[in-house]
C-alpha atoms as a PDB file:
ATOM      1  CA  MET A   1       0.000   0.000   0.000  1.00  0.00           C
ATOM      2  CA  LYS A   2       1.199   3.516  -0.794  1.00  0.00           C
ATOM      3  CA  ASN A   3       1.713   6.230   1.776  1.00  0.00           C
ATOM      4  CA  ILE A   4      -0.936   8.868   2.289  1.00  0.00           C
ATOM      5  CA  GLU A   5       0.074  12.083   0.515  1.00  0.00           C
ATOM      6  CA  PRO A   6      -0.925  15.243   2.437  1.00  0.00           C
ATOM      7  CA  ASN A   7      -2.082  17.295  -0.566  1.00  0.00           C
ATOM      8  CA  LYS A   8      -3.732  14.525  -2.562  1.00  0.00           C
ATOM      9  CA  VAL A   9      -7.529  14.274  -2.728  1.00  0.00           C
ATOM     10  CA  TYR A  10      -9.028  10.884  -1.829  1.00  0.00           C
ATOM     11  CA  THR A  11     -12.450   9.361  -2.384  1.00  0.00           C
ATOM     12  CA  THR A  12     -14.329   7.689   0.450  1.00  0.00           C
ATOM     13  CA  GLU A  13     -13.418   4.297  -1.011  1.00  0.00           C
ATOM     14  CA  GLU A  14      -9.702   5.139  -0.975  1.00  0.00           C
ATOM     15  CA  ALA A  15      -9.942   6.548   2.545  1.00  0.00           C
ATOM     16  CA  GLN A  16     -11.779   3.422   3.643  1.00  0.00           C
ATOM     17  CA  ASP A  17      -8.964   1.293   2.207  1.00  0.00           C
ATOM     18  CA  TYR A  18      -6.206   3.352   3.879  1.00  0.00           C
ATOM     19  CA  LEU A  19      -7.946   3.463   7.271  1.00  0.00           C
ATOM     20  CA  LYS A  20      -9.073  -0.188   7.118  1.00  0.00           C
ATOM     21  CA  VAL A  21     -12.656   0.632   8.099  1.00  0.00           C
ATOM     22  CA  SER A  22     -16.040  -0.284   6.694  1.00  0.00           C
ATOM     23  CA  ASN A  23     -18.186   1.873   4.452  1.00  0.00           C
ATOM     24  CA  SER A  24     -20.613   2.567   7.304  1.00  0.00           C
ATOM     25  CA  THR A  25     -17.723   3.712   9.531  1.00  0.00           C
ATOM     26  CA  ILE A  26     -16.494   6.185   6.892  1.00  0.00           C
ATOM     27  CA  LYS A  27     -20.027   7.534   6.564  1.00  0.00           C
ATOM     28  CA  ARG A  28     -20.301   7.907  10.346  1.00  0.00           C
ATOM     29  CA  LEU A  29     -16.914   9.692  10.559  1.00  0.00           C
ATOM     30  CA  LEU A  30     -18.021  12.116   7.841  1.00  0.00           C
ATOM     31  CA  LYS A  31     -21.472  12.660   9.353  1.00  0.00           C
ATOM     32  CA  ASN A  32     -20.067  13.362  12.828  1.00  0.00           C
ATOM     33  CA  GLY A  33     -17.434  15.743  11.452  1.00  0.00           C
ATOM     34  CA  ILE A  34     -14.517  13.618  12.585  1.00  0.00           C
ATOM     35  CA  ILE A  35     -13.229  13.678   9.020  1.00  0.00           C
ATOM     36  CA  GLN A  36     -13.632  16.970   7.172  1.00  0.00           C
ATOM     37  CA  ALA A  37     -14.526  16.588   3.498  1.00  0.00           C
ATOM     38  CA  ASN A  38     -16.064  18.444   0.589  1.00  0.00           C
ATOM     39  CA  LYS A  39     -18.857  17.115  -1.529  1.00  0.00           C
ATOM     40  CA  VAL A  40     -18.122  17.378  -5.251  1.00  0.00           C
ATOM     41  CA  ALA A  41     -20.629  16.114  -7.815  1.00  0.00           C
ATOM     42  CA  GLY A  42     -22.456  14.190  -5.093  1.00  0.00           C
ATOM     43  CA  ARG A  43     -19.339  12.405  -3.785  1.00  0.00           C
ATOM     44  CA  TYR A  44     -17.159  13.231  -0.811  1.00  0.00           C
ATOM     45  CA  LYS A  45     -13.543  14.223  -1.455  1.00  0.00           C
ATOM     46  CA  ILE A  46     -11.139  13.986   1.486  1.00  0.00           C
ATOM     47  CA  LEU A  47      -7.776  15.735   1.653  1.00  0.00           C
ATOM     48  CA  GLY A  48      -4.809  13.570   2.625  1.00  0.00           C
ATOM     49  CA  ASN A  49      -4.042  15.896   5.562  1.00  0.00           C
ATOM     50  CA  GLU A  50      -7.367  14.877   7.116  1.00  0.00           C
ATOM     51  CA  LEU A  51      -6.492  11.194   6.927  1.00  0.00           C
ATOM     52  CA  LEU A  52      -3.047  11.833   8.389  1.00  0.00           C
ATOM     53  CA  ARG A  53      -4.570  13.904  11.200  1.00  0.00           C
ATOM     54  CA  LEU A  54      -6.950  11.094  12.023  1.00  0.00           C
ATOM     55  CA  VAL A  55      -4.229   8.447  12.344  1.00  0.00           C
ATOM     56  CA  SER A  56      -1.661  10.637  14.117  1.00  0.00           C
ATOM     57  CA  PRO A  57      -0.458   9.651  17.609  1.00  0.00           C
ATOM     58  CA  LYS A  58      -1.561  13.065  18.905  1.00  0.00           C
ATOM     59  CA  THR A  59      -5.160  12.313  17.931  1.00  0.00           C
ATOM     60  CA  GLU A  60      -4.954   8.913  19.581  1.00  0.00           C
ATOM     61  CA  ARG A  61      -3.672  10.423  22.844  1.00  0.00           C
ATOM     62  CA  ARG A  62      -6.456  13.014  22.788  1.00  0.00           C
ATOM     63  CA  ALA A  63      -9.125  10.365  22.190  1.00  0.00           C
ATOM     64  CA  ARG A  64      -7.736   8.218  24.998  1.00  0.00           C
ATOM     65  CA  SER A  65      -7.740  11.206  27.365  1.00  0.00           C
ATOM     66  CA  LEU A  66     -11.353  12.044  26.505  1.00  0.00           C
ATOM     67  CA  TYR A  67     -12.376   8.420  26.996  1.00  0.00           C
ATOM     68  CA  TYR A  68     -10.789   8.191  30.443  1.00  0.00           C
ATOM     69  CA  ARG A  69     -12.386  11.475  31.557  1.00  0.00           C
ATOM     70  CA  LEU A  70     -15.781  10.245  30.404  1.00  0.00           C
ATOM     71  CA  GLU A  71     -15.230   6.907  32.135  1.00  0.00           C
ATOM     72  CA  ASP A  72     -14.409   8.670  35.422  1.00  0.00           C
ATOM     73  CA  LYS A  73     -17.480  10.894  35.118  1.00  0.00           C
ATOM     74  CA  VAL A  74     -19.739   7.879  34.531  1.00  0.00           C
ATOM     75  CA  ARG A  75     -18.159   5.994  37.423  1.00  0.00           C
ATOM     76  CA  LYS A  76     -18.706   8.941  39.801  1.00  0.00           C
ATOM     77  CA  THR A  77     -22.330   9.300  38.657  1.00  0.00           C
ATOM     78  CA  ILE A  78     -23.003   5.605  39.247  1.00  0.00           C
ATOM     79  CA  GLU A  79     -21.405   5.749  42.713  1.00  0.00           C
ATOM     80  CA  LYS A  80     -23.882   8.506  43.704  1.00  0.00           C
ATOM     81  CA  TRP A  81     -26.812   6.203  42.936  1.00  0.00           C
END
């Protein structure tokens, strides 16, 4: 597989292949704004920078931090019950 080029434009199918996710996952990422894309002629076009941002270690650390904060909040709420 080739490397993701920052300034290249990718289709959802190509992004799906690079990220190793299903079609429904790509749609969900686009719908929730996790991946920014432009719609051209009825099809989403995703810039390579967006794919690189999504798979960067910084993004993973941020997601992990958010998850642990949410987990703590849920745990504290349950303990109050």
